[in-house]
C-alpha cells in the first residue's frame, strides 16, 4: 500500500508532461533546477522525474513570478519563508496537542 505522503513525493512525470501541467517550457524547468529552485528525482537513465510536490512547487514559482512580479531570487526567498511557516505551524500544532495532553485530567485521579 502506498502511503499518502509517498504518493505525493513519488516521481511520476517526465519533464515534458510536468511542463505542460504548469504551463511552462521544459527549458524553464531545467533553468529552475540549475538555479536551485527545484530538485526533481532522476531515473536510472538520468531522466528528470517530477512528483506532485514538485508540480505544486512549480505552480508556486509561476505564481510568484508571473502574478506577483517577483524575480527568481525573490521567489526563492518567498518559497523558503513559506516552507518555514509550514514547519512552524506543524510545531505549533504539535505543541498545542502536547499542552492539551498534559493539561487534561487523568482518569487515575478520579
Protein backbone atom coordinates (compact mmCIF):
# COMPACT_ATOMS: atom_id res chain seq x y z
CA UNK A 1 0.00 0.00 0.00
CA UNK A 2 1.34 3.45 -0.89
CA UNK A 3 1.02 5.96 1.93
CA UNK A 4 -0.39 9.40 1.15
CA UNK A 5 2.96 11.20 1.60
CA UNK A 6 4.69 8.67 -0.67
CA UNK A 7 2.05 9.18 -3.33
CA UNK A 8 2.78 12.92 -3.39
CA UNK A 9 6.56 12.61 -3.39
CA UNK A 10 6.88 9.64 -5.74
CA UNK A 11 8.26 10.70 -9.13
CA UNK A 12 5.60 10.31 -11.79
CA UNK A 13 6.04 12.82 -14.58
CA UNK A 14 8.73 13.33 -17.20
CA UNK A 15 9.78 16.91 -17.91
CA UNK A 16 7.53 17.42 -20.95
CA UNK A 17 4.44 16.34 -19.01
CA UNK A 18 5.39 18.40 -15.95
CA UNK A 19 6.00 21.49 -18.11
CA UNK A 20 2.61 21.06 -19.78
CA UNK A 21 0.88 20.63 -16.41
CA UNK A 22 2.12 24.00 -15.15
CA UNK A 23 2.13 25.88 -18.44
CA UNK A 24 5.88 26.38 -18.75
CA UNK A 25 8.51 25.29 -21.23
CA UNK A 26 10.70 22.32 -20.40
CA UNK A 27 13.73 24.61 -20.73
CA UNK A 28 12.28 26.80 -17.96
CA UNK A 29 12.09 23.78 -15.67
CA UNK A 30 15.73 22.97 -16.45
CA UNK A 31 16.66 26.57 -15.65
CA UNK A 32 14.81 26.44 -12.33
CA UNK A 33 16.75 23.29 -11.49
CA UNK A 34 20.09 24.95 -12.35
CA UNK A 35 19.07 27.96 -10.24
CA UNK A 36 18.43 25.65 -7.27
CA UNK A 37 14.69 26.27 -7.08
CA UNK A 38 13.79 22.69 -7.86
CA UNK A 39 15.38 19.26 -7.49
CA UNK A 40 13.45 16.61 -9.43
CA UNK A 41 14.27 12.95 -8.99
CA UNK A 42 16.26 11.16 -11.66
CA UNK A 43 15.64 7.81 -13.27
CA UNK A 44 18.44 5.31 -13.73
CA UNK A 45 18.92 6.81 -17.18
CA UNK A 46 19.22 10.31 -15.60
CA UNK A 47 15.81 11.40 -16.92
CA UNK A 48 14.15 14.05 -14.76
CA UNK A 49 11.06 12.79 -12.94
CA UNK A 50 8.68 15.19 -11.21
CA UNK A 51 6.44 14.36 -8.25
CA UNK A 52 3.17 16.01 -7.29
CA UNK A 53 5.15 18.00 -4.70
CA UNK A 54 7.48 19.23 -7.48
CA UNK A 55 4.47 20.20 -9.61
CA UNK A 56 2.99 22.19 -6.73
CA UNK A 57 6.33 23.94 -6.18
CA UNK A 58 6.47 24.82 -9.89
CA UNK A 59 2.98 26.29 -9.67
CA UNK A 60 4.03 28.41 -6.70
CA UNK A 61 7.12 29.65 -8.55
CA UNK A 62 4.98 30.50 -11.56
CA UNK A 63 2.51 32.41 -9.38
CA UNK A 64 5.26 34.31 -7.60
CA UNK A 65 7.00 35.31 -10.82
CA UNK A 66 4.07 35.81 -13.21
CA UNK A 67 1.32 37.14 -10.97
CA UNK A 68 3.27 38.81 -8.17
CA UNK A 69 6.15 40.03 -10.33
CA UNK A 70 8.98 38.59 -8.24
CA UNK A 71 12.28 37.71 -9.85
CA UNK A 72 13.70 34.24 -9.22
CA UNK A 73 15.75 35.39 -6.23
CA UNK A 74 12.62 36.86 -4.67
CA UNK A 75 10.66 33.72 -5.47
CA UNK A 76 13.33 31.61 -3.78
CA UNK A 77 13.16 33.76 -0.63
CA UNK A 78 9.36 33.61 -0.64
CA UNK A 79 9.40 29.81 -1.05
CA UNK A 80 11.82 29.42 1.85
CA UNK A 81 9.63 31.65 4.02
CA UNK A 82 6.53 29.63 3.11
CA UNK A 83 8.34 26.39 3.94
CA UNK A 84 9.50 27.81 7.26
CA UNK A 85 5.98 28.97 8.09
CA UNK A 86 4.66 25.47 7.36
CA UNK A 87 7.31 23.96 9.65
CA UNK A 88 6.43 26.44 12.39
CA UNK A 89 2.70 25.68 12.06
CA UNK A 90 3.41 21.96 12.41
CA UNK A 91 5.44 22.66 15.55
CA UNK A 92 2.66 24.86 16.97
CA UNK A 93 0.13 22.09 16.29
CA UNK A 94 2.38 19.51 17.94
CA UNK A 95 2.93 21.70 20.99
CA UNK A 96 -0.77 22.51 21.25
CA UNK A 97 -1.57 18.81 21.33
CA UNK A 98 1.11 18.25 23.95
CA UNK A 99 -0.30 21.04 26.14
CA UNK A 100 -3.80 19.56 25.80
CA UNK A 101 -2.48 16.12 26.70
CA UNK A 102 -0.57 17.39 29.74
CA UNK A 103 -3.43 19.61 30.89
CA UNK A 104 -6.16 17.02 30.57
CA UNK A 105 -7.24 15.47 33.86
CA UNK A 106 -6.19 11.86 34.00
CA UNK A 107 -8.69 9.12 34.72
CA UNK A 108 -6.43 7.81 37.54
CA UNK A 109 -7.10 10.88 39.75
CA UNK A 110 -10.89 10.44 39.91
